[in-house]
mmCIF file of all heavy atoms, coordinates in Angstrom:
data_MODEL
# 
_entry.id   MODEL 
# 
loop_
_atom_site.group_PDB 
_atom_site.id 
_atom_site.type_symbol 
_atom_site.label_atom_id 
_atom_site.label_alt_id 
_atom_site.label_comp_id 
_atom_site.label_asym_id 
_atom_site.label_entity_id 
_atom_site.label_seq_id 
_atom_site.pdbx_PDB_ins_code 
_atom_site.Cartn_x 
_atom_site.Cartn_y 
_atom_site.Cartn_z 
_atom_site.occupancy 
_atom_site.B_iso_or_equiv 
_atom_site.pdbx_formal_charge 
_atom_site.auth_seq_id 
_atom_site.auth_comp_id 
_atom_site.auth_asym_id 
_atom_site.auth_atom_id 
_atom_site.pdbx_PDB_model_num 
ATOM 1   N N   . LEU A 1 1  ? 139.320 78.079 142.872 1.00 0.00 ? 1  LEU A N   1 
ATOM 2   C CA  . LEU A 1 1  ? 138.268 78.853 142.593 1.00 0.00 ? 1  LEU A CA  1 
ATOM 3   C C   . LEU A 1 1  ? 137.979 79.137 141.214 1.00 0.00 ? 1  LEU A C   1 
ATOM 4   O O   . LEU A 1 1  ? 136.776 79.009 140.670 1.00 0.00 ? 1  LEU A O   1 
ATOM 5   C CB  . LEU A 1 1  ? 138.321 80.204 143.439 1.00 0.00 ? 1  LEU A CB  1 
ATOM 6   C CG  . LEU A 1 1  ? 137.117 81.215 143.269 1.00 0.00 ? 1  LEU A CG  1 
ATOM 7   C CD1 . LEU A 1 1  ? 135.875 80.663 143.810 1.00 0.00 ? 1  LEU A CD1 1 
ATOM 8   C CD2 . LEU A 1 1  ? 137.441 82.627 143.899 1.00 0.00 ? 1  LEU A CD2 1 
ATOM 9   N N   . GLU A 1 2  ? 139.122 79.458 140.434 1.00 0.00 ? 2  GLU A N   1 
ATOM 10  C CA  . GLU A 1 2  ? 138.843 79.632 138.994 1.00 0.00 ? 2  GLU A CA  1 
ATOM 11  C C   . GLU A 1 2  ? 138.485 78.388 138.299 1.00 0.00 ? 2  GLU A C   1 
ATOM 12  O O   . GLU A 1 2  ? 137.622 78.470 137.324 1.00 0.00 ? 2  GLU A O   1 
ATOM 13  C CB  . GLU A 1 2  ? 140.298 80.180 138.394 1.00 0.00 ? 2  GLU A CB  1 
ATOM 14  C CG  . GLU A 1 2  ? 140.098 80.536 136.959 1.00 0.00 ? 2  GLU A CG  1 
ATOM 15  C CD  . GLU A 1 2  ? 141.388 81.164 136.385 1.00 0.00 ? 2  GLU A CD  1 
ATOM 16  O OE1 . GLU A 1 2  ? 142.379 81.240 137.066 1.00 0.00 ? 2  GLU A OE1 1 
ATOM 17  O OE2 . GLU A 1 2  ? 141.285 81.580 135.140 1.00 0.00 ? 2  GLU A OE2 1 
ATOM 18  N N   . SER A 1 3  ? 138.930 77.300 138.764 1.00 0.00 ? 3  SER A N   1 
ATOM 19  C CA  . SER A 1 3  ? 138.675 76.009 138.148 1.00 0.00 ? 3  SER A CA  1 
ATOM 20  C C   . SER A 1 3  ? 137.195 75.775 138.300 1.00 0.00 ? 3  SER A C   1 
ATOM 21  O O   . SER A 1 3  ? 136.566 75.220 137.380 1.00 0.00 ? 3  SER A O   1 
ATOM 22  C CB  . SER A 1 3  ? 139.517 74.914 138.683 1.00 0.00 ? 3  SER A CB  1 
ATOM 23  O OG  . SER A 1 3  ? 139.203 74.530 140.005 1.00 0.00 ? 3  SER A OG  1 
ATOM 24  N N   . TYR A 1 4  ? 136.532 75.969 139.422 1.00 0.00 ? 4  TYR A N   1 
ATOM 25  C CA  . TYR A 1 4  ? 135.193 75.670 139.626 1.00 0.00 ? 4  TYR A CA  1 
ATOM 26  C C   . TYR A 1 4  ? 134.294 76.639 138.787 1.00 0.00 ? 4  TYR A C   1 
ATOM 27  O O   . TYR A 1 4  ? 133.194 76.231 138.445 1.00 0.00 ? 4  TYR A O   1 
ATOM 28  C CB  . TYR A 1 4  ? 134.841 75.813 141.139 1.00 0.00 ? 4  TYR A CB  1 
ATOM 29  C CG  . TYR A 1 4  ? 135.232 74.479 141.883 1.00 0.00 ? 4  TYR A CG  1 
ATOM 30  C CD1 . TYR A 1 4  ? 136.276 74.561 142.907 1.00 0.00 ? 4  TYR A CD1 1 
ATOM 31  C CD2 . TYR A 1 4  ? 134.749 73.237 141.551 1.00 0.00 ? 4  TYR A CD2 1 
ATOM 32  C CE1 . TYR A 1 4  ? 136.621 73.274 143.481 1.00 0.00 ? 4  TYR A CE1 1 
ATOM 33  C CE2 . TYR A 1 4  ? 135.088 72.091 142.066 1.00 0.00 ? 4  TYR A CE2 1 
ATOM 34  C CZ  . TYR A 1 4  ? 136.146 72.106 143.122 1.00 0.00 ? 4  TYR A CZ  1 
ATOM 35  O OH  . TYR A 1 4  ? 136.439 70.977 143.761 1.00 0.00 ? 4  TYR A OH  1 
ATOM 36  N N   . ASP A 1 5  ? 134.865 77.839 138.525 1.00 0.00 ? 5  ASP A N   1 
ATOM 37  C CA  . ASP A 1 5  ? 134.090 78.761 137.577 1.00 0.00 ? 5  ASP A CA  1 
ATOM 38  C C   . ASP A 1 5  ? 133.866 78.100 136.186 1.00 0.00 ? 5  ASP A C   1 
ATOM 39  O O   . ASP A 1 5  ? 133.038 78.457 135.520 1.00 0.00 ? 5  ASP A O   1 
ATOM 40  C CB  . ASP A 1 5  ? 134.673 80.101 137.642 1.00 0.00 ? 5  ASP A CB  1 
ATOM 41  C CG  . ASP A 1 5  ? 134.534 80.985 138.886 1.00 0.00 ? 5  ASP A CG  1 
ATOM 42  O OD1 . ASP A 1 5  ? 133.597 80.615 139.674 1.00 0.00 ? 5  ASP A OD1 1 
ATOM 43  O OD2 . ASP A 1 5  ? 135.300 81.806 139.231 1.00 0.00 ? 5  ASP A OD2 1 
ATOM 44  N N   . LEU A 1 6  ? 134.875 77.198 135.972 1.00 0.00 ? 6  LEU A N   1 
ATOM 45  C CA  . LEU A 1 6  ? 134.964 76.581 134.573 1.00 0.00 ? 6  LEU A CA  1 
ATOM 46  C C   . LEU A 1 6  ? 134.149 75.189 134.685 1.00 0.00 ? 6  LEU A C   1 
ATOM 47  O O   . LEU A 1 6  ? 134.390 74.402 133.764 1.00 0.00 ? 6  LEU A O   1 
ATOM 48  C CB  . LEU A 1 6  ? 136.335 76.513 134.153 1.00 0.00 ? 6  LEU A CB  1 
ATOM 49  C CG  . LEU A 1 6  ? 136.995 77.837 133.790 1.00 0.00 ? 6  LEU A CG  1 
ATOM 50  C CD1 . LEU A 1 6  ? 138.473 77.608 133.661 1.00 0.00 ? 6  LEU A CD1 1 
ATOM 51  C CD2 . LEU A 1 6  ? 136.469 78.406 132.536 1.00 0.00 ? 6  LEU A CD2 1 
ATOM 52  N N   . ASN A 1 7  ? 133.479 74.878 135.756 1.00 0.00 ? 7  ASN A N   1 
ATOM 53  C CA  . ASN A 1 7  ? 132.662 73.676 135.899 1.00 0.00 ? 7  ASN A CA  1 
ATOM 54  C C   . ASN A 1 7  ? 133.465 72.348 135.827 1.00 0.00 ? 7  ASN A C   1 
ATOM 55  O O   . ASN A 1 7  ? 133.103 71.447 135.139 1.00 0.00 ? 7  ASN A O   1 
ATOM 56  C CB  . ASN A 1 7  ? 131.582 73.684 134.786 1.00 0.00 ? 7  ASN A CB  1 
ATOM 57  C CG  . ASN A 1 7  ? 130.571 74.817 134.897 1.00 0.00 ? 7  ASN A CG  1 
ATOM 58  O OD1 . ASN A 1 7  ? 130.270 75.123 136.039 1.00 0.00 ? 7  ASN A OD1 1 
ATOM 59  N ND2 . ASN A 1 7  ? 130.309 75.443 133.870 1.00 0.00 ? 7  ASN A ND2 1 
ATOM 60  N N   . VAL A 1 8  ? 134.610 72.364 136.434 1.00 0.00 ? 8  VAL A N   1 
ATOM 61  C CA  . VAL A 1 8  ? 135.305 71.154 136.750 1.00 0.00 ? 8  VAL A CA  1 
ATOM 62  C C   . VAL A 1 8  ? 134.543 70.202 137.687 1.00 0.00 ? 8  VAL A C   1 
ATOM 63  O O   . VAL A 1 8  ? 133.900 70.691 138.533 1.00 0.00 ? 8  VAL A O   1 
ATOM 64  C CB  . VAL A 1 8  ? 136.799 71.392 137.152 1.00 0.00 ? 8  VAL A CB  1 
ATOM 65  C CG1 . VAL A 1 8  ? 137.529 72.239 136.267 1.00 0.00 ? 8  VAL A CG1 1 
ATOM 66  C CG2 . VAL A 1 8  ? 136.753 71.870 138.546 1.00 0.00 ? 8  VAL A CG2 1 
ATOM 67  N N   . SER A 1 9  ? 134.730 68.847 137.640 1.00 0.00 ? 9  SER A N   1 
ATOM 68  C CA  . SER A 1 9  ? 134.054 68.006 138.387 1.00 0.00 ? 9  SER A CA  1 
ATOM 69  C C   . SER A 1 9  ? 134.674 67.967 139.811 1.00 0.00 ? 9  SER A C   1 
ATOM 70  O O   . SER A 1 9  ? 133.919 67.759 140.831 1.00 0.00 ? 9  SER A O   1 
ATOM 71  C CB  . SER A 1 9  ? 133.946 66.623 137.812 1.00 0.00 ? 9  SER A CB  1 
ATOM 72  O OG  . SER A 1 9  ? 133.195 66.626 136.561 1.00 0.00 ? 9  SER A OG  1 
ATOM 73  N N   . ASP A 1 10 ? 136.009 68.047 139.834 1.00 0.00 ? 10 ASP A N   1 
ATOM 74  C CA  . ASP A 1 10 ? 136.596 68.023 141.113 1.00 0.00 ? 10 ASP A CA  1 
ATOM 75  C C   . ASP A 1 10 ? 138.045 68.557 140.972 1.00 0.00 ? 10 ASP A C   1 
ATOM 76  O O   . ASP A 1 10 ? 138.617 68.686 139.870 1.00 0.00 ? 10 ASP A O   1 
ATOM 77  C CB  . ASP A 1 10 ? 136.675 66.553 141.751 1.00 0.00 ? 10 ASP A CB  1 
ATOM 78  C CG  . ASP A 1 10 ? 136.612 66.459 143.258 1.00 0.00 ? 10 ASP A CG  1 
ATOM 79  O OD1 . ASP A 1 10 ? 137.066 67.484 143.922 1.00 0.00 ? 10 ASP A OD1 1 
ATOM 80  O OD2 . ASP A 1 10 ? 136.052 65.603 143.789 1.00 0.00 ? 10 ASP A OD2 1 
ATOM 81  N N   . TYR A 1 11 ? 138.719 68.701 142.186 1.00 0.00 ? 11 TYR A N   1 
ATOM 82  C CA  . TYR A 1 11 ? 140.035 69.322 142.284 1.00 0.00 ? 11 TYR A CA  1 
ATOM 83  C C   . TYR A 1 11 ? 140.809 68.632 143.196 1.00 0.00 ? 11 TYR A C   1 
ATOM 84  O O   . TYR A 1 11 ? 140.489 68.622 144.482 1.00 0.00 ? 11 TYR A O   1 
ATOM 85  C CB  . TYR A 1 11 ? 139.829 70.804 142.617 1.00 0.00 ? 11 TYR A CB  1 
ATOM 86  C CG  . TYR A 1 11 ? 141.025 71.731 142.544 1.00 0.00 ? 11 TYR A CG  1 
ATOM 87  C CD1 . TYR A 1 11 ? 141.282 72.455 141.474 1.00 0.00 ? 11 TYR A CD1 1 
ATOM 88  C CD2 . TYR A 1 11 ? 142.012 71.809 143.595 1.00 0.00 ? 11 TYR A CD2 1 
ATOM 89  C CE1 . TYR A 1 11 ? 142.421 73.431 141.465 1.00 0.00 ? 11 TYR A CE1 1 
ATOM 90  C CE2 . TYR A 1 11 ? 143.110 72.488 143.565 1.00 0.00 ? 11 TYR A CE2 1 
ATOM 91  C CZ  . TYR A 1 11 ? 143.214 73.427 142.484 1.00 0.00 ? 11 TYR A CZ  1 
ATOM 92  O OH  . TYR A 1 11 ? 144.359 74.227 142.365 1.00 0.00 ? 11 TYR A OH  1 
ATOM 93  N N   . LEU A 1 12 ? 141.789 67.930 142.737 1.00 0.00 ? 12 LEU A N   1 
ATOM 94  C CA  . LEU A 1 12 ? 142.669 66.910 143.642 1.00 0.00 ? 12 LEU A CA  1 
ATOM 95  C C   . LEU A 1 12 ? 143.993 67.603 143.769 1.00 0.00 ? 12 LEU A C   1 
ATOM 96  O O   . LEU A 1 12 ? 144.704 67.877 142.827 1.00 0.00 ? 12 LEU A O   1 
ATOM 97  C CB  . LEU A 1 12 ? 142.801 65.530 142.988 1.00 0.00 ? 12 LEU A CB  1 
ATOM 98  C CG  . LEU A 1 12 ? 141.486 64.893 142.661 1.00 0.00 ? 12 LEU A CG  1 
ATOM 99  C CD1 . LEU A 1 12 ? 141.726 63.533 142.094 1.00 0.00 ? 12 LEU A CD1 1 
ATOM 100 C CD2 . LEU A 1 12 ? 140.576 64.769 143.978 1.00 0.00 ? 12 LEU A CD2 1 
ATOM 101 N N   . LEU A 1 13 ? 144.294 67.738 145.143 1.00 0.00 ? 13 LEU A N   1 
ATOM 102 C CA  . LEU A 1 13 ? 145.746 68.253 145.399 1.00 0.00 ? 13 LEU A CA  1 
ATOM 103 C C   . LEU A 1 13 ? 146.738 67.111 145.547 1.00 0.00 ? 13 LEU A C   1 
ATOM 104 O O   . LEU A 1 13 ? 146.473 66.055 146.144 1.00 0.00 ? 13 LEU A O   1 
ATOM 105 C CB  . LEU A 1 13 ? 145.732 69.067 146.630 1.00 0.00 ? 13 LEU A CB  1 
ATOM 106 C CG  . LEU A 1 13 ? 144.956 70.415 146.760 1.00 0.00 ? 13 LEU A CG  1 
ATOM 107 C CD1 . LEU A 1 13 ? 144.908 70.935 148.177 1.00 0.00 ? 13 LEU A CD1 1 
ATOM 108 C CD2 . LEU A 1 13 ? 145.872 71.304 145.715 1.00 0.00 ? 13 LEU A CD2 1 
ATOM 109 N N   . LYS A 1 14 ? 147.857 67.294 144.885 1.00 0.00 ? 14 LYS A N   1 
ATOM 110 C CA  . LYS A 1 14 ? 148.944 66.325 145.058 1.00 0.00 ? 14 LYS A CA  1 
ATOM 111 C C   . LYS A 1 14 ? 149.634 66.441 146.392 1.00 0.00 ? 14 LYS A C   1 
ATOM 112 O O   . LYS A 1 14 ? 149.823 67.508 146.888 1.00 0.00 ? 14 LYS A O   1 
ATOM 113 C CB  . LYS A 1 14 ? 149.940 66.509 143.820 1.00 0.00 ? 14 LYS A CB  1 
ATOM 114 C CG  . LYS A 1 14 ? 149.358 66.301 142.490 1.00 0.00 ? 14 LYS A CG  1 
ATOM 115 C CD  . LYS A 1 14 ? 150.441 66.720 141.434 1.00 0.00 ? 14 LYS A CD  1 
ATOM 116 C CE  . LYS A 1 14 ? 149.815 66.596 140.017 1.00 0.00 ? 14 LYS A CE  1 
ATOM 117 N NZ  . LYS A 1 14 ? 150.800 66.953 139.091 1.00 0.00 ? 14 LYS A NZ  1 
ATOM 118 N N   . PRO A 1 15 ? 150.119 65.295 146.943 1.00 0.00 ? 15 PRO A N   1 
ATOM 119 C CA  . PRO A 1 15 ? 149.937 63.958 146.517 1.00 0.00 ? 15 PRO A CA  1 
ATOM 120 C C   . PRO A 1 15 ? 148.612 63.489 146.837 1.00 0.00 ? 15 PRO A C   1 
ATOM 121 O O   . PRO A 1 15 ? 147.957 63.734 147.822 1.00 0.00 ? 15 PRO A O   1 
ATOM 122 C CB  . PRO A 1 15 ? 150.936 63.255 147.387 1.00 0.00 ? 15 PRO A CB  1 
ATOM 123 C CG  . PRO A 1 15 ? 151.118 63.983 148.620 1.00 0.00 ? 15 PRO A CG  1 
ATOM 124 C CD  . PRO A 1 15 ? 150.926 65.406 148.196 1.00 0.00 ? 15 PRO A CD  1 
ATOM 125 N N   . ILE A 1 16 ? 148.156 62.719 145.619 1.00 0.00 ? 16 ILE A N   1 
ATOM 126 C CA  . ILE A 1 16 ? 146.608 62.338 145.646 1.00 0.00 ? 16 ILE A CA  1 
ATOM 127 C C   . ILE A 1 16 ? 146.536 60.963 146.403 1.00 0.00 ? 16 ILE A C   1 
ATOM 128 O O   . ILE A 1 16 ? 147.146 59.985 146.007 1.00 0.00 ? 16 ILE A O   1 
ATOM 129 C CB  . ILE A 1 16 ? 146.098 62.287 144.266 1.00 0.00 ? 16 ILE A CB  1 
ATOM 130 C CG1 . ILE A 1 16 ? 146.265 63.653 143.613 1.00 0.00 ? 16 ILE A CG1 1 
ATOM 131 C CG2 . ILE A 1 16 ? 144.623 61.868 144.268 1.00 0.00 ? 16 ILE A CG2 1 
ATOM 132 C CD1 . ILE A 1 16 ? 146.045 63.576 142.108 1.00 0.00 ? 16 ILE A CD1 1 
ATOM 133 N N   . ALA A 1 17 ? 145.629 60.921 147.347 1.00 0.00 ? 17 ALA A N   1 
ATOM 134 C CA  . ALA A 1 17 ? 145.347 59.666 147.916 1.00 0.00 ? 17 ALA A CA  1 
ATOM 135 C C   . ALA A 1 17 ? 144.247 58.831 147.241 1.00 0.00 ? 17 ALA A C   1 
ATOM 136 O O   . ALA A 1 17 ? 143.362 59.486 146.582 1.00 0.00 ? 17 ALA A O   1 
ATOM 137 C CB  . ALA A 1 17 ? 144.754 59.889 149.465 1.00 0.00 ? 17 ALA A CB  1 
ATOM 138 N N   . PHE A 1 18 ? 144.326 57.614 147.254 1.00 0.00 ? 18 PHE A N   1 
ATOM 139 C CA  . PHE A 1 18 ? 143.357 56.776 146.337 1.00 0.00 ? 18 PHE A CA  1 
ATOM 140 C C   . PHE A 1 18 ? 141.950 57.073 146.780 1.00 0.00 ? 18 PHE A C   1 
ATOM 141 O O   . PHE A 1 18 ? 141.107 57.115 145.938 1.00 0.00 ? 18 PHE A O   1 
ATOM 142 C CB  . PHE A 1 18 ? 143.671 55.266 146.475 1.00 0.00 ? 18 PHE A CB  1 
ATOM 143 C CG  . PHE A 1 18 ? 142.718 54.438 145.525 1.00 0.00 ? 18 PHE A CG  1 
ATOM 144 C CD1 . PHE A 1 18 ? 142.894 54.444 144.192 1.00 0.00 ? 18 PHE A CD1 1 
ATOM 145 C CD2 . PHE A 1 18 ? 141.749 53.745 146.191 1.00 0.00 ? 18 PHE A CD2 1 
ATOM 146 C CE1 . PHE A 1 18 ? 141.967 53.815 143.438 1.00 0.00 ? 18 PHE A CE1 1 
ATOM 147 C CE2 . PHE A 1 18 ? 140.847 53.050 145.453 1.00 0.00 ? 18 PHE A CE2 1 
ATOM 148 C CZ  . PHE A 1 18 ? 140.935 53.024 144.098 1.00 0.00 ? 18 PHE A CZ  1 
ATOM 149 N N   . ASP A 1 19 ? 141.585 57.011 148.168 1.00 0.00 ? 19 ASP A N   1 
ATOM 150 C CA  . ASP A 1 19 ? 140.232 57.235 148.661 1.00 0.00 ? 19 ASP A CA  1 
ATOM 151 C C   . ASP A 1 19 ? 139.690 58.558 147.994 1.00 0.00 ? 19 ASP A C   1 
ATOM 152 O O   . ASP A 1 19 ? 138.473 58.686 147.661 1.00 0.00 ? 19 ASP A O   1 
ATOM 153 C CB  . ASP A 1 19 ? 140.105 57.078 150.083 1.00 0.00 ? 19 ASP A CB  1 
ATOM 154 C CG  . ASP A 1 19 ? 140.846 58.221 150.778 1.00 0.00 ? 19 ASP A CG  1 
ATOM 155 O OD1 . ASP A 1 19 ? 142.039 58.669 150.301 1.00 0.00 ? 19 ASP A OD1 1 
ATOM 156 O OD2 . ASP A 1 19 ? 140.435 58.544 151.852 1.00 0.00 ? 19 ASP A OD2 1 
ATOM 157 N N   . ARG A 1 20 ? 140.495 59.594 148.049 1.00 0.00 ? 20 ARG A N   1 
ATOM 158 C CA  . ARG A 1 20 ? 140.028 60.902 147.453 1.00 0.00 ? 20 ARG A CA  1 
ATOM 159 C C   . ARG A 1 20 ? 139.813 60.817 146.030 1.00 0.00 ? 20 ARG A C   1 
ATOM 160 O O   . ARG A 1 20 ? 138.852 61.341 145.464 1.00 0.00 ? 20 ARG A O   1 
ATOM 161 C CB  . ARG A 1 20 ? 141.106 61.988 147.778 1.00 0.00 ? 20 ARG A CB  1 
ATOM 162 C CG  . ARG A 1 20 ? 140.638 63.396 147.400 1.00 0.00 ? 20 ARG A CG  1 
ATOM 163 C CD  . ARG A 1 20 ? 139.429 63.955 148.184 1.00 0.00 ? 20 ARG A CD  1 
ATOM 164 N NE  . ARG A 1 20 ? 139.081 65.243 147.680 1.00 0.00 ? 20 ARG A NE  1 
ATOM 165 C CZ  . ARG A 1 20 ? 138.224 65.462 146.632 1.00 0.00 ? 20 ARG A CZ  1 
ATOM 166 N NH1 . ARG A 1 20 ? 137.798 64.436 145.978 1.00 0.00 ? 20 ARG A NH1 1 
ATOM 167 N NH2 . ARG A 1 20 ? 138.015 66.685 146.214 1.00 0.00 ? 20 ARG A NH2 1 
ATOM 168 N N   . PHE A 1 21 ? 140.772 60.029 145.288 1.00 0.00 ? 21 PHE A N   1 
ATOM 169 C CA  . PHE A 1 21 ? 140.654 59.871 143.766 1.00 0.00 ? 21 PHE A CA  1 
ATOM 170 C C   . PHE A 1 21 ? 139.250 59.157 143.499 1.00 0.00 ? 21 PHE A C   1 
ATOM 171 O O   . PHE A 1 21 ? 138.660 59.616 142.693 1.00 0.00 ? 21 PHE A O   1 
ATOM 172 C CB  . PHE A 1 21 ? 141.871 59.079 143.320 1.00 0.00 ? 21 PHE A CB  1 
ATOM 173 C CG  . PHE A 1 21 ? 141.739 58.625 141.901 1.00 0.00 ? 21 PHE A CG  1 
ATOM 174 C CD1 . PHE A 1 21 ? 142.268 59.439 141.033 1.00 0.00 ? 21 PHE A CD1 1 
ATOM 175 C CD2 . PHE A 1 21 ? 141.152 57.476 141.548 1.00 0.00 ? 21 PHE A CD2 1 
ATOM 176 C CE1 . PHE A 1 21 ? 142.141 59.082 139.585 1.00 0.00 ? 21 PHE A CE1 1 
ATOM 177 C CE2 . PHE A 1 21 ? 141.157 57.041 140.176 1.00 0.00 ? 21 PHE A CE2 1 
ATOM 178 C CZ  . PHE A 1 21 ? 141.571 57.783 139.200 1.00 0.00 ? 21 PHE A CZ  1 
ATOM 179 N N   . TYR A 1 22 ? 139.008 58.090 144.254 1.00 0.00 ? 22 TYR A N   1 
ATOM 180 C CA  . TYR A 1 22 ? 137.821 57.256 143.987 1.00 0.00 ? 22 TYR A CA  1 
ATOM 181 C C   . TYR A 1 22 ? 136.578 58.132 144.226 1.00 0.00 ? 22 TYR A C   1 
ATOM 182 O O   . TYR A 1 22 ? 135.590 58.062 143.545 1.00 0.00 ? 22 TYR A O   1 
ATOM 183 C CB  . TYR A 1 22 ? 137.888 56.020 144.993 1.00 0.00 ? 22 TYR A CB  1 
ATOM 184 C CG  . TYR A 1 22 ? 136.666 55.108 144.639 1.00 0.00 ? 22 TYR A CG  1 
ATOM 185 C CD1 . TYR A 1 22 ? 136.816 54.218 143.490 1.00 0.00 ? 22 TYR A CD1 1 
ATOM 186 C CD2 . TYR A 1 22 ? 135.441 55.221 145.172 1.00 0.00 ? 22 TYR A CD2 1 
ATOM 187 C CE1 . TYR A 1 22 ? 135.802 53.287 143.131 1.00 0.00 ? 22 TYR A CE1 1 
ATOM 188 C CE2 . TYR A 1 22 ? 134.460 54.265 144.838 1.00 0.00 ? 22 TYR A CE2 1 
ATOM 189 C CZ  . TYR A 1 22 ? 134.626 53.428 143.909 1.00 0.00 ? 22 TYR A CZ  1 
ATOM 190 O OH  . TYR A 1 22 ? 133.621 52.613 143.551 1.00 0.00 ? 22 TYR A OH  1 
ATOM 191 N N   . LYS A 1 23 ? 136.625 58.924 145.314 1.00 0.00 ? 23 LYS A N   1 
ATOM 192 C CA  . LYS A 1 23 ? 135.419 59.764 145.627 1.00 0.00 ? 23 LYS A CA  1 
ATOM 193 C C   . LYS A 1 23 ? 135.114 60.753 144.369 1.00 0.00 ? 23 LYS A C   1 
ATOM 194 O O   . LYS A 1 23 ? 134.038 60.947 143.874 1.00 0.00 ? 23 LYS A O   1 
ATOM 195 C CB  . LYS A 1 23 ? 135.651 60.600 146.838 1.00 0.00 ? 23 LYS A CB  1 
ATOM 196 C CG  . LYS A 1 23 ? 134.514 61.477 147.193 1.00 0.00 ? 23 LYS A CG  1 
ATOM 197 C CD  . LYS A 1 23 ? 134.702 62.185 148.538 1.00 0.00 ? 23 LYS A CD  1 
ATOM 198 C CE  . LYS A 1 23 ? 133.576 63.137 148.876 1.00 0.00 ? 23 LYS A CE  1 
ATOM 199 N NZ  . LYS A 1 23 ? 133.889 63.892 150.084 1.00 0.00 ? 23 LYS A NZ  1 
ATOM 200 N N   . ALA A 1 24 ? 136.254 61.234 143.763 1.00 0.00 ? 24 ALA A N   1 
ATOM 201 C CA  . ALA A 1 24 ? 136.068 62.153 142.585 1.00 0.00 ? 24 ALA A CA  1 
ATOM 202 C C   . ALA A 1 24 ? 135.570 61.400 141.470 1.00 0.00 ? 24 ALA A C   1 
ATOM 203 O O   . ALA A 1 24 ? 134.525 61.959 140.793 1.00 0.00 ? 24 ALA A O   1 
ATOM 204 C CB  . ALA A 1 24 ? 137.321 62.858 142.348 1.00 0.00 ? 24 ALA A CB  1 
ATOM 205 N N   . VAL A 1 25 ? 135.989 60.294 141.099 1.00 0.00 ? 25 VAL A N   1 
ATOM 206 C CA  . VAL A 1 25 ? 135.575 59.645 139.832 1.00 0.00 ? 25 VAL A CA  1 
ATOM 207 C C   . VAL A 1 25 ? 134.171 59.052 140.109 1.00 0.00 ? 25 VAL A C   1 
ATOM 208 O O   . VAL A 1 25 ? 133.406 58.892 139.024 1.00 0.00 ? 25 VAL A O   1 
ATOM 209 C CB  . VAL A 1 25 ? 136.685 58.576 139.435 1.00 0.00 ? 25 VAL A CB  1 
ATOM 210 C CG1 . VAL A 1 25 ? 137.950 59.331 139.102 1.00 0.00 ? 25 VAL A CG1 1 
ATOM 211 C CG2 . VAL A 1 25 ? 136.796 57.499 140.416 1.00 0.00 ? 25 VAL A CG2 1 
ATOM 212 N N   . GLU A 1 26 ? 133.929 58.660 141.297 1.00 0.00 ? 26 GLU A N   1 
ATOM 213 C CA  . GLU A 1 26 ? 132.565 58.058 141.557 1.00 0.00 ? 26 GLU A CA  1 
ATOM 214 C C   . GLU A 1 26 ? 131.437 59.102 141.292 1.00 0.00 ? 26 GLU A C   1 
ATOM 215 O O   . GLU A 1 26 ? 130.435 58.801 140.730 1.00 0.00 ? 26 GLU A O   1 
ATOM 216 C CB  . GLU A 1 26 ? 132.501 57.569 143.009 1.00 0.00 ? 26 GLU A CB  1 
ATOM 217 C CG  . GLU A 1 26 ? 131.161 56.827 143.321 1.00 0.00 ? 26 GLU A CG  1 
ATOM 218 C CD  . GLU A 1 26 ? 131.132 56.369 144.703 1.00 0.00 ? 26 GLU A CD  1 
ATOM 219 O OE1 . GLU A 1 26 ? 131.615 57.098 145.560 1.00 0.00 ? 26 GLU A OE1 1 
ATOM 220 O OE2 . GLU A 1 26 ? 130.621 55.111 144.898 1.00 0.00 ? 26 GLU A OE2 1 
ATOM 221 N N   . LYS A 1 27 ? 131.823 60.337 141.652 1.00 0.00 ? 27 LYS A N   1 
ATOM 222 C CA  . LYS A 1 27 ? 130.762 61.540 141.463 1.00 0.00 ? 27 LYS A CA  1 
ATOM 223 C C   . LYS A 1 27 ? 130.538 61.621 140.000 1.00 0.00 ? 27 LYS A C   1 
ATOM 224 O O   . LYS A 1 27 ? 129.375 61.659 139.452 1.00 0.00 ? 27 LYS A O   1 
ATOM 225 C CB  . LYS A 1 27 ? 131.386 62.706 142.035 1.00 0.00 ? 27 LYS A CB  1 
ATOM 226 C CG  . LYS A 1 27 ? 130.452 63.938 141.745 1.00 0.00 ? 27 LYS A CG  1 
ATOM 227 C CD  . LYS A 1 27 ? 130.907 65.144 142.646 1.00 0.00 ? 27 LYS A CD  1 
ATOM 228 C CE  . LYS A 1 27 ? 132.257 65.516 142.309 1.00 0.00 ? 27 LYS A CE  1 
ATOM 229 N NZ  . LYS A 1 27 ? 132.704 66.910 142.966 1.00 0.00 ? 27 LYS A NZ  1 
# 
């Protein structure tokens, strides 16, 4: 919640799956 208040593009929880990673960077 605090990170989105600071306008981050995405928030990835470890362990990070590649498909979730790709979705974030594609955005």
